[in-house]
Protein backbone atom coordinates (compact mmCIF):
# COMPACT_ATOMS: atom_id res chain seq x y z
CA MET A 1 58.16 22.98 19.65
CA PRO A 2 59.84 24.45 16.76
CA GLU A 3 57.67 26.46 14.39
CA VAL A 4 57.14 25.77 10.94
CA LEU A 5 58.02 28.97 8.49
CA SER A 6 55.93 29.43 5.63
CA GLN A 7 57.20 29.74 2.27
CA ALA A 8 57.07 33.41 2.10
CA GLU A 9 59.24 33.81 5.90
CA ILE A 10 61.57 31.16 4.22
CA ASP A 11 61.94 33.68 0.67
CA ALA A 12 62.41 36.63 2.84
CA LEU A 13 64.83 35.33 5.26
CA LEU A 14 66.95 34.28 2.07
CA THR A 15 66.78 37.75 0.65
CA ALA A 16 67.85 39.38 4.42
CA VAL A 17 71.01 37.21 4.29
CA SER A 18 72.24 37.83 0.73
CA THR A 19 71.77 41.77 1.46
CA GLY A 20 73.45 41.56 4.52
CA GLN A 21 70.81 42.33 6.90
CA ILE A 22 71.14 39.21 8.75
CA LYS A 23 74.02 37.55 9.21
CA PRO A 24 74.11 33.36 8.81
CA GLU A 25 75.27 32.57 12.10
CA GLU A 26 71.90 34.55 13.35
CA ALA A 27 69.78 32.91 10.71
CA ALA A 28 70.67 29.34 11.92
CA ALA A 29 69.58 30.30 15.27
CA LEU A 30 65.98 31.42 13.77
CA PRO A 31 63.22 28.71 14.26
CA THR A 32 63.61 25.45 11.69
CA VAL A 33 61.24 22.91 10.25
CA GLN A 34 60.77 20.44 13.19
CA ALA A 35 62.64 16.90 12.16
CA LEU A 36 60.27 14.20 10.93
CA LYS A 37 59.68 11.27 13.22
CA ARG A 38 59.01 7.90 11.80
CA TYR A 39 55.65 5.84 12.62
CA ASP A 40 55.07 2.17 11.77
CA PHE A 41 51.45 2.36 11.08
CA ARG A 42 51.84 -2.09 11.22
CA ARG A 43 52.59 -1.23 14.93
CA PRO A 44 50.86 1.27 16.39
CA ASN A 45 51.17 2.50 20.29
CA LYS A 46 47.56 1.63 21.70
CA PHE A 47 48.20 2.29 25.28
CA THR A 48 49.10 5.74 26.39
CA LYS A 49 51.91 6.89 28.99
CA ASP A 50 49.55 7.20 31.84
CA GLN A 51 47.97 3.63 31.30
CA LEU A 52 51.57 2.00 30.67
CA ARG A 53 52.34 4.27 34.29
CA THR A 54 49.64 2.53 35.77
CA LEU A 55 50.30 -0.68 34.96
CA GLN A 56 53.84 -0.61 36.34
CA ILE A 57 52.44 0.76 39.41
CA LEU A 58 49.94 -2.18 39.70
CA HIS A 59 52.56 -5.15 38.86
CA GLU A 60 55.11 -3.48 40.99
CA ASN A 61 52.50 -4.16 43.68
CA LEU A 62 52.10 -7.37 42.57
CA ALA A 63 56.20 -8.13 42.66
CA ARG A 64 55.92 -6.90 46.25
CA ILE A 65 53.21 -9.19 47.13
CA LEU A 66 54.78 -12.18 45.26
CA SER A 67 57.99 -12.00 46.71
CA GLY A 68 56.48 -12.31 50.29
CA PHE A 69 54.00 -15.13 49.17
CA LEU A 70 56.70 -17.39 47.34
CA SER A 71 59.55 -16.74 50.03
CA GLY A 72 57.10 -18.16 52.49
CA TYR A 73 55.73 -21.26 50.36
CA LEU A 74 59.50 -21.95 49.27
CA ARG A 75 60.60 -21.46 52.44
CA THR A 76 63.93 -19.77 50.74
CA ASN A 77 64.47 -16.00 49.96
CA VAL A 78 62.62 -15.39 46.61
CA SER A 79 62.96 -11.50 44.97
CA ILE A 80 60.86 -10.47 42.18
CA ALA A 81 60.97 -7.07 40.82
CA VAL A 82 59.16 -5.32 37.56
CA SER A 83 62.21 -5.03 34.64
CA SER A 84 59.89 -3.30 31.95
CA VAL A 85 56.40 -2.30 30.61
CA GLU A 86 56.24 -2.13 27.13
CA GLN A 87 54.01 -2.75 24.28
CA PHE A 88 54.67 -4.92 21.11
CA THR A 89 52.86 -6.81 18.44
CA PHE A 90 52.14 -10.52 19.88
CA ASP A 91 54.35 -11.68 16.92
CA ASP A 92 57.22 -9.80 18.02
CA PHE A 93 56.57 -10.97 21.89
CA SER A 94 56.02 -14.67 21.04
CA ARG A 95 59.14 -14.58 18.93
CA SER A 96 61.45 -13.37 21.66
CA LEU A 97 60.59 -16.27 24.19
CA PRO A 98 63.01 -18.94 24.65
CA MET A 99 62.54 -22.74 23.60
CA PRO A 100 61.69 -24.56 26.09
CA THR A 101 59.83 -22.55 28.11
CA LEU A 102 56.00 -22.46 29.32
CA LEU A 103 53.24 -20.50 28.36
CA THR A 104 49.87 -20.18 30.71
CA ILE A 105 46.95 -19.38 28.60
CA PHE A 106 44.33 -17.66 31.05
CA SER A 107 41.09 -15.87 31.05
CA LEU A 108 40.49 -12.49 33.34
CA SER A 109 36.75 -12.91 33.52
CA PRO A 110 34.75 -10.69 32.91
CA LEU A 111 37.36 -9.49 30.48
CA LYS A 112 36.81 -11.10 27.19
CA GLY A 113 39.89 -12.75 25.56
CA MET A 114 42.86 -14.74 26.84
CA ALA A 115 46.05 -13.35 28.01
CA VAL A 116 49.78 -15.27 28.42
CA MET A 117 52.12 -15.55 31.00
CA GLU A 118 55.46 -16.88 30.45
CA THR A 119 57.79 -18.61 33.05
CA ASN A 120 61.04 -19.61 31.60
CA PRO A 121 63.16 -22.56 32.85
CA HIS A 122 65.45 -20.40 34.91
CA PHE A 123 62.64 -19.58 37.38
CA LEU A 124 60.54 -23.11 37.15
CA PHE A 125 63.67 -25.51 37.61
CA PRO A 126 64.78 -23.98 40.99
CA VAL A 127 60.95 -23.66 42.37
CA ILE A 128 60.44 -27.07 41.00
CA ASP A 129 63.93 -28.34 42.77
CA LEU A 130 63.04 -26.59 46.00
CA LEU A 131 59.77 -28.12 46.09
CA PHE A 132 60.88 -31.58 45.47
CA GLY A 133 62.79 -30.82 48.63
CA GLY A 134 66.42 -29.84 46.48
CA PRO A 135 68.68 -27.25 47.02
CA GLY A 136 67.11 -24.82 44.15
CA ASP A 137 69.90 -25.05 41.56
CA VAL A 138 69.29 -24.89 37.82
CA PRO A 139 70.28 -27.53 35.92
CA LYS A 140 73.75 -26.92 33.70
CA LYS A 141 71.63 -27.87 30.34
CA VAL A 142 68.16 -26.14 29.73
CA ARG A 143 66.31 -29.47 29.01
CA GLU A 144 61.97 -29.57 28.26
CA LEU A 145 60.08 -30.22 31.41
CA THR A 146 58.44 -33.77 31.88
CA SER A 147 54.60 -34.07 32.49
CA ILE A 148 55.37 -34.21 36.52
CA GLU A 149 57.20 -30.81 36.28
CA ILE A 150 54.47 -29.19 34.36
CA SER A 151 51.60 -30.19 36.55
CA VAL A 152 53.85 -28.70 39.37
CA ALA A 153 54.57 -25.47 37.62
CA LYS A 154 51.12 -25.50 36.81
CA LYS A 155 49.83 -25.17 40.32
CA ILE A 156 52.80 -22.69 41.14
CA ASN A 157 51.23 -20.45 38.18
CA ALA A 158 47.72 -20.76 39.73
CA LYS A 159 49.00 -19.51 42.79
CA ILE A 160 51.05 -16.48 40.97
CA LEU A 161 47.51 -15.34 39.35
CA GLU A 162 45.60 -15.47 42.46
CA ASN A 163 48.10 -12.74 43.61
CA LEU A 164 47.23 -11.18 40.57
CA SER A 165 43.66 -10.87 41.07
CA PHE A 166 44.47 -9.18 44.34
CA ALA A 167 46.87 -6.94 43.00
CA TRP A 168 44.20 -5.52 40.42
CA SER A 169 41.32 -5.35 42.85
CA ASP A 170 41.91 -1.48 43.47
CA VAL A 171 41.52 -0.77 39.89
CA PHE A 172 38.86 -3.66 38.47
CA SER A 173 38.00 -7.08 40.07
CA VAL A 174 39.19 -9.97 37.86
CA THR A 175 39.34 -13.58 38.36
CA PRO A 176 41.86 -15.31 36.55
CA GLU A 177 41.33 -19.01 35.11
CA ILE A 178 43.81 -21.23 33.79
CA GLU A 179 42.71 -22.74 30.31
CA THR A 180 45.65 -24.32 28.74
CA VAL A 181 49.70 -24.63 29.09
CA GLU A 182 52.11 -25.04 26.50
CA THR A 183 55.64 -25.63 26.18
CA ASN A 184 56.31 -24.25 22.60
CA PRO A 185 55.23 -20.73 21.95
CA ARG A 186 55.44 -21.03 18.26
CA PHE A 187 51.96 -23.52 18.43
CA GLN A 188 50.13 -20.77 20.39
CA GLN A 189 47.43 -19.29 18.27
CA VAL A 190 44.90 -17.71 21.06
CA ILE A 191 46.19 -14.37 20.49
CA SER A 192 46.27 -12.81 16.58
CA PRO A 193 49.69 -12.57 15.77
CA SER A 194 49.05 -8.41 15.13
CA GLU A 195 47.36 -7.75 18.42
CA VAL A 196 48.98 -4.92 20.17
CA VAL A 197 49.94 -6.40 23.65
CA VAL A 198 51.48 -4.82 26.97
CA VAL A 199 54.56 -7.12 28.33
CA ILE A 200 55.35 -6.71 31.71
CA THR A 201 58.60 -8.58 32.27
CA PHE A 202 59.68 -9.90 36.18
CA SER A 203 63.11 -10.56 37.15
CA THR A 204 63.08 -12.89 39.67
CA VAL A 205 65.88 -14.46 42.29
CA VAL A 206 65.23 -17.61 43.40
CA GLY A 207 67.02 -18.77 46.80
CA THR A 208 71.06 -18.04 46.46
CA GLY A 209 71.41 -16.48 42.99
CA ALA A 210 69.16 -18.69 40.32
CA ARG A 211 67.70 -15.46 38.14
CA GLY A 212 64.96 -15.81 35.68
CA TYR A 213 62.24 -14.10 34.23
CA ILE A 214 58.40 -13.90 33.97
CA ASN A 215 56.54 -12.51 31.59
CA LEU A 216 53.13 -11.29 31.67
CA CYS A 217 51.34 -10.82 27.95
CA LEU A 218 48.07 -8.40 28.39
CA PRO A 219 46.38 -7.95 24.99
CA HIS A 220 45.09 -4.69 23.96
CA VAL A 221 41.50 -5.76 22.82
CA THR A 222 41.09 -7.85 26.74
CA LEU A 223 42.06 -4.48 28.79
CA GLU A 224 40.01 -2.04 26.34
CA PRO A 225 37.24 -2.00 28.66
CA VAL A 226 39.28 -1.14 31.73
CA LEU A 227 41.36 1.62 30.10
CA VAL A 228 39.65 4.47 31.48
CA GLN A 229 40.17 3.17 35.16
CA LEU A 230 44.01 2.51 34.37
CA SER A 231 43.99 6.30 33.36
CA SER A 232 42.01 7.63 36.02
CA TYR A 233 43.94 5.41 38.81
CA TYR A 234 47.23 7.38 37.83
CA HIS A 235 46.06 10.39 38.21
CA THR A 236 44.00 9.99 41.49
CA THR A 237 46.13 7.45 43.23
CA PRO A 238 46.56 9.04 46.99
CA ALA A 239 49.76 9.01 48.38
CA GLY A 240 49.13 6.50 51.03
CA LEU A 241 48.14 3.74 48.78
CA GLN A 242 50.94 1.54 49.47
CA GLU A 243 50.17 1.67 53.34
CA ASP A 244 46.28 0.44 52.27
CA SER A 245 47.43 -1.96 50.33
CA ALA A 246 49.69 -3.10 52.82
CA LYS A 247 46.75 -3.26 55.03
CA LYS A 248 44.70 -5.20 52.71
CA GLU A 249 47.05 -7.64 51.74
CA LEU A 250 47.54 -8.19 55.61
CA GLU A 251 44.18 -8.52 56.11
CA TYR A 252 43.48 -10.67 52.93
CA TRP A 253 46.03 -13.58 54.12
CA ILE A 254 44.99 -13.56 57.79
CA ASN A 255 41.31 -14.73 56.31
CA GLN A 256 42.95 -17.26 54.08
CA VAL A 257 44.56 -19.14 57.44
CA PRO A 258 43.08 -22.41 58.44
CA VAL A 259 41.90 -23.07 61.84
CA ASP A 260 40.75 -25.76 64.19
CA LEU A 261 36.72 -25.10 65.15
CA ALA A 262 35.69 -27.69 68.07
CA VAL A 263 31.87 -27.11 69.47
CA VAL A 264 31.49 -29.54 72.81
CA ALA A 265 28.13 -30.34 73.56
CA GLY A 266 28.86 -32.20 77.00
CA GLU A 267 31.18 -34.24 79.26
CA THR A 268 30.19 -37.51 80.84
CA GLU A 269 32.29 -40.67 82.49
CA ILE A 270 32.02 -44.05 81.43
CA ALA A 271 33.89 -46.90 82.13
CA VAL A 272 36.29 -48.55 79.62
CA ARG A 273 34.08 -51.79 79.31
CA GLU A 274 31.12 -49.70 78.70
CA PHE A 275 33.36 -47.31 76.31
CA LEU A 276 34.72 -50.59 74.22
CA ASN A 277 31.08 -52.14 73.82
CA LEU A 278 29.62 -48.73 72.57
CA GLN A 279 27.21 -49.63 69.49
CA VAL A 280 25.67 -46.95 67.00
CA GLY A 281 22.45 -45.87 68.38
CA ASP A 282 23.55 -46.04 71.89
CA VAL A 283 22.43 -42.99 74.12
CA LEU A 284 25.21 -41.13 76.55
CA PRO A 285 23.70 -38.90 79.52
CA LEU A 286 25.78 -35.42 79.19
CA ASP A 287 26.35 -32.81 82.25
CA ARG A 288 24.12 -30.57 80.38
CA GLY A 289 21.12 -29.41 79.86
CA VAL A 290 19.03 -29.49 76.62
CA ASN A 291 18.61 -25.59 76.41
CA ALA A 292 21.88 -24.95 78.02
CA ASP A 293 24.51 -23.32 75.61
CA LEU A 294 27.30 -25.31 74.13
CA ASP A 295 31.02 -24.29 74.15
CA VAL A 296 32.82 -23.23 71.12
CA TYR A 297 36.49 -23.57 70.93
CA VAL A 298 38.97 -21.70 68.31
CA SER A 299 42.34 -23.37 68.16
CA GLY A 300 41.66 -25.33 71.22
CA GLN A 301 40.75 -21.92 73.10
CA LEU A 302 37.28 -21.45 74.45
CA ARG A 303 35.97 -18.53 72.48
CA TYR A 304 31.87 -18.31 72.09
CA LYS A 305 28.84 -20.18 73.44
CA ALA A 306 26.27 -21.48 70.78
CA GLN A 307 22.97 -23.25 70.46
CA ALA A 308 22.66 -26.69 68.62
CA GLY A 309 20.39 -26.95 65.28
CA THR A 310 20.20 -27.94 61.61
CA VAL A 311 20.92 -25.98 58.52
CA GLY A 312 19.08 -28.36 56.11
CA ARG A 313 19.92 -31.80 56.34
CA TYR A 314 23.57 -31.00 58.09
CA LEU A 315 23.99 -30.33 61.77
CA ALA A 316 24.89 -26.96 63.10
CA VAL A 317 25.46 -24.68 66.00
CA GLN A 318 24.46 -20.97 65.89
CA ILE A 319 26.52 -18.18 68.10
CA THR A 320 24.80 -16.63 70.72
CA SER A 321 27.41 -14.83 72.71
CA LEU A 322 31.04 -14.43 73.56
CA ALA A 323 32.52 -16.84 76.28
CA GLU A 324 33.36 -15.10 79.58
CA GLY A 325 37.32 -16.01 80.48
CA GLY A 326 38.23 -17.91 77.77
CA GLU A 327 39.82 -21.58 78.98
CA PHE A 328 42.59 -22.93 77.23
CA VAL A 329 42.61 -27.10 76.41
CA GLY A 330 46.01 -27.99 75.69
């Protein structure tokens, strides 16, 4: 960093130059006063470089998760990447948004305040078109979203925010919940215009080349309780984080897969006439004792043994053991 000379040193330097003790070109090479840097107190930088870097890492992971999720959900190739992570005032952010667009205002419980996600038409229209059975094209002229399209887009955005919760889980557990949606950014008054926000911009490519953007706007006042975690996370992130994150992501989505579960209490044989005449309250004798274990089938395959019982006013079974030699039922 250049050193600032005192007035006495400046006078001595000028005297030395005038008497020939120091040549002018040598004086030019001496330390000079550092150039001033402008600072706008109306737009202070509240996020440090470490915190911005951490937010970039977190949302690069989110971009990767969303690329895989939306590709499977829409049955087409979807590519999402982080384009920039910058801080502005909310007024600057809202003025930069196109019209029309879709703003999703959501909370990040247990954090206070609201955040905003902007999904512009160049991203939404191809997604909606694909969901309605189309090829995923962008209309030649961007128009306002209809009420049906807004309803569909709200469900898509809810899925995106669900993945946001997963991406943040390594730093802080948050539960995003949509509060409302707006189509005109000028009418949005949830966040103060002078509030400093960090804006994460995602570039999106849907299908064969429909390019759009998603902007995630997080106010400083909302993130303030977790800024310490953001700074420490940047310095302590292990090198194998991506592998651990990929394993957690895979485990999370496997746990979301629904499976068919069936319990067989027993079997019996009756005539077709008896079957047609069955009434409520009829009793059928089964080929299994009262205390015998029941068979539990998972996706048609015998996996467990169980005992019958109740939980409150509901019928239930308690798993007692694994089944030996699983039998597949077609």
